Amino acid sequence: ITCPGVLLKDKEELYLSVSVLGQSKKTQPVPAAFPLFFQEKLVFEKAFADIVDPGDLVELLELDTAVLELIQLIPPVGKVLATYEENTRDFLFPDPKLTRGHHGLDREILMKRSSAFTGIAPKLRFSTSSLITESLLSSGRSHIQ
């Protein structure tokens, strides 16, 4: 995460919280100095037992929201400095015209800064990869995972 020219007045560490497909994960905290480097892979898995048609999966992903939050560990519960929200379909499968190179690699987004954050909006650089597999249930019906 970059934010040129911004110095954080609070020195508590920061982490990135990611919520997608009904699951939330967070990175390990890093020191409070831009640029922030989170060298982690966050893995989300979800089985959709009632989905047979890929079109139904697309609709489900469009209804789900991916939420990313940059949080500073200021007691008692932490302070949200910036957020990013997008429907999960567009987050996982971005428009090919908006990315350089291979699908999902080295994407850049501007986060929306909170009122508690002074300075310009932080820019997040990241990549995503998705794997959709079909598997059989014990009843013999197939579903998409």
Protein backbone atom coordinates (compact mmCIF):
# COMPACT_ATOMS: atom_id res chain seq x y z
CA ILE A 1 0.00 0.00 0.00
CA THR A 2 1.46 3.33 -1.01
CA CYS A 3 0.49 6.80 0.11
CA PRO A 4 3.24 9.25 -0.96
CA GLY A 5 3.97 12.09 1.43
CA VAL A 6 1.76 10.77 4.23
CA LEU A 7 3.16 10.29 7.72
CA LEU A 8 0.96 8.61 10.29
CA LYS A 9 0.74 10.49 13.59
CA ASP A 10 -0.07 7.28 15.50
CA LYS A 11 2.77 4.75 15.49
CA GLU A 12 0.74 1.60 16.19
CA GLU A 13 1.02 -1.16 13.57
CA LEU A 14 -1.43 -1.65 10.70
CA TYR A 15 -3.01 -4.67 9.04
CA LEU A 16 -5.27 -5.35 6.09
CA SER A 17 -8.62 -7.05 6.73
CA VAL A 18 -10.26 -8.82 3.76
CA SER A 19 -13.84 -10.13 3.74
CA VAL A 20 -15.10 -12.15 0.79
CA LEU A 21 -17.53 -15.05 0.31
CA GLY A 22 -18.76 -14.68 3.89
CA GLN A 23 -15.26 -15.14 5.33
CA SER A 24 -12.88 -12.63 6.90
CA LYS A 25 -9.10 -12.86 7.15
CA LYS A 26 -6.41 -10.40 8.13
CA THR A 27 -2.73 -9.97 7.43
CA GLN A 28 0.02 -9.87 10.01
CA PRO A 29 0.56 -6.32 11.31
CA VAL A 30 3.30 -4.15 9.80
CA PRO A 31 5.02 -0.97 11.06
CA ALA A 32 3.14 2.32 10.62
CA ALA A 33 5.22 3.79 7.77
CA PHE A 34 4.31 3.97 4.09
CA PRO A 35 4.81 2.08 1.88
CA LEU A 36 3.23 -0.87 3.69
CA PHE A 37 4.32 -4.33 2.53
CA PHE A 38 2.01 -7.30 3.17
CA GLN A 39 3.79 -10.29 1.65
CA GLU A 40 1.01 -12.78 2.37
CA LYS A 41 -1.43 -14.99 0.54
CA LEU A 42 -4.95 -15.00 1.90
CA VAL A 43 -6.86 -18.08 0.75
CA PHE A 44 -10.66 -18.20 0.68
CA GLU A 45 -12.54 -21.40 -0.15
CA LYS A 46 -16.28 -21.80 -0.56
CA ALA A 47 -18.44 -24.72 -1.66
CA PHE A 48 -21.77 -23.88 -3.27
CA ALA A 49 -23.81 -27.07 -2.76
CA ASP A 50 -26.93 -25.84 -4.57
CA ILE A 51 -25.22 -24.38 -7.65
CA VAL A 52 -25.24 -26.44 -10.84
CA ASP A 53 -25.30 -23.73 -13.53
CA PRO A 54 -22.22 -21.46 -13.79
CA GLY A 55 -24.58 -18.55 -14.53
CA ASP A 56 -26.09 -18.99 -11.07
CA LEU A 57 -22.60 -18.77 -9.57
CA VAL A 58 -22.00 -15.50 -11.44
CA GLU A 59 -25.22 -14.08 -9.96
CA LEU A 60 -24.19 -15.16 -6.46
CA LEU A 61 -20.78 -13.51 -6.84
CA GLU A 62 -22.43 -10.30 -8.06
CA LEU A 63 -24.60 -10.22 -4.92
CA ASP A 64 -21.63 -10.77 -2.57
CA THR A 65 -19.41 -7.83 -1.60
CA ALA A 66 -15.65 -7.99 -1.17
CA VAL A 67 -14.50 -5.56 1.55
CA LEU A 68 -10.90 -4.55 2.23
CA GLU A 69 -10.02 -2.39 5.24
CA LEU A 70 -6.73 -0.84 6.29
CA ILE A 71 -6.82 -0.88 10.09
CA GLN A 72 -4.42 0.63 12.61
CA LEU A 73 -4.12 -1.18 15.97
CA ILE A 74 -5.19 1.76 18.11
CA PRO A 75 -6.88 0.54 21.33
CA PRO A 76 -9.50 -0.47 22.18
CA VAL A 77 -10.68 -1.94 18.83
CA GLY A 78 -8.50 -0.41 16.12
CA LYS A 79 -9.14 2.47 13.73
CA VAL A 80 -10.21 1.97 10.09
CA LEU A 81 -8.06 4.29 7.97
CA ALA A 82 -9.30 3.30 4.50
CA THR A 83 -11.73 0.90 2.83
CA TYR A 84 -12.48 -0.60 -0.56
CA GLU A 85 -15.71 -2.34 -1.56
CA GLU A 86 -16.66 -4.06 -4.81
CA ASN A 87 -18.94 -6.90 -5.80
CA THR A 88 -17.05 -10.18 -5.55
CA ARG A 89 -17.42 -11.05 -9.23
CA ASP A 90 -15.66 -7.86 -10.34
CA PHE A 91 -13.10 -8.16 -7.54
CA LEU A 92 -12.10 -11.72 -8.50
CA PHE A 93 -12.57 -11.33 -12.25
CA PRO A 94 -11.70 -7.72 -13.17
CA ASP A 95 -12.42 -6.22 -16.55
CA PRO A 96 -9.45 -7.26 -18.73
CA LYS A 97 -9.11 -3.71 -20.06
CA LEU A 98 -8.31 -2.42 -16.57
CA THR A 99 -5.42 -4.78 -15.85
CA ARG A 100 -2.01 -5.11 -17.38
CA GLY A 101 -0.59 -8.51 -18.21
CA HIS A 102 -2.25 -11.67 -17.00
CA HIS A 103 -5.70 -11.88 -15.39
CA GLY A 104 -5.74 -10.55 -11.83
CA LEU A 105 -2.00 -9.90 -11.56
CA ASP A 106 -0.60 -6.62 -10.27
CA ARG A 107 -3.86 -4.73 -9.95
CA GLU A 108 -3.98 -1.27 -8.41
CA ILE A 109 -6.98 0.27 -6.68
CA LEU A 110 -7.52 3.47 -4.73
CA MET A 111 -8.99 2.91 -1.31
CA LYS A 112 -11.53 5.34 0.14
CA ARG A 113 -9.97 7.09 3.12
CA SER A 114 -11.94 7.45 6.33
CA SER A 115 -12.50 10.76 8.10
CA ALA A 116 -9.85 9.62 10.63
CA PHE A 117 -7.19 9.48 7.91
CA THR A 118 -5.49 12.64 6.70
CA GLY A 119 -3.73 12.77 3.37
CA ILE A 120 -4.38 11.29 -0.05
CA ALA A 121 -6.22 8.02 -0.62
CA PRO A 122 -3.97 4.96 -0.21
CA LYS A 123 -3.22 2.91 -3.33
CA LEU A 124 -3.31 -0.87 -2.92
CA ARG A 125 -1.37 -3.08 -5.30
CA PHE A 126 -2.28 -6.77 -5.23
CA SER A 127 -3.14 -9.80 -7.31
CA THR A 128 -5.91 -12.38 -7.25
CA SER A 129 -6.27 -15.84 -8.70
CA SER A 130 -9.39 -17.97 -8.70
CA LEU A 131 -10.02 -21.65 -9.21
CA ILE A 132 -13.51 -22.99 -9.81
CA THR A 133 -13.89 -26.76 -9.77
CA GLU A 134 -16.82 -29.07 -10.17
CA SER A 135 -17.21 -31.90 -7.70
CA LEU A 136 -19.71 -34.64 -7.02
CA LEU A 137 -21.86 -34.83 -3.93
CA SER A 138 -22.60 -38.17 -2.31
CA SER A 139 -26.16 -37.95 -3.70
CA GLY A 140 -24.73 -37.96 -7.23
CA ARG A 141 -25.56 -34.30 -7.93
CA SER A 142 -22.70 -32.12 -9.06
CA HIS A 143 -21.93 -28.69 -7.65
CA ILE A 144 -19.45 -25.92 -8.28
CA GLN A 145 -16.86 -25.18 -5.61
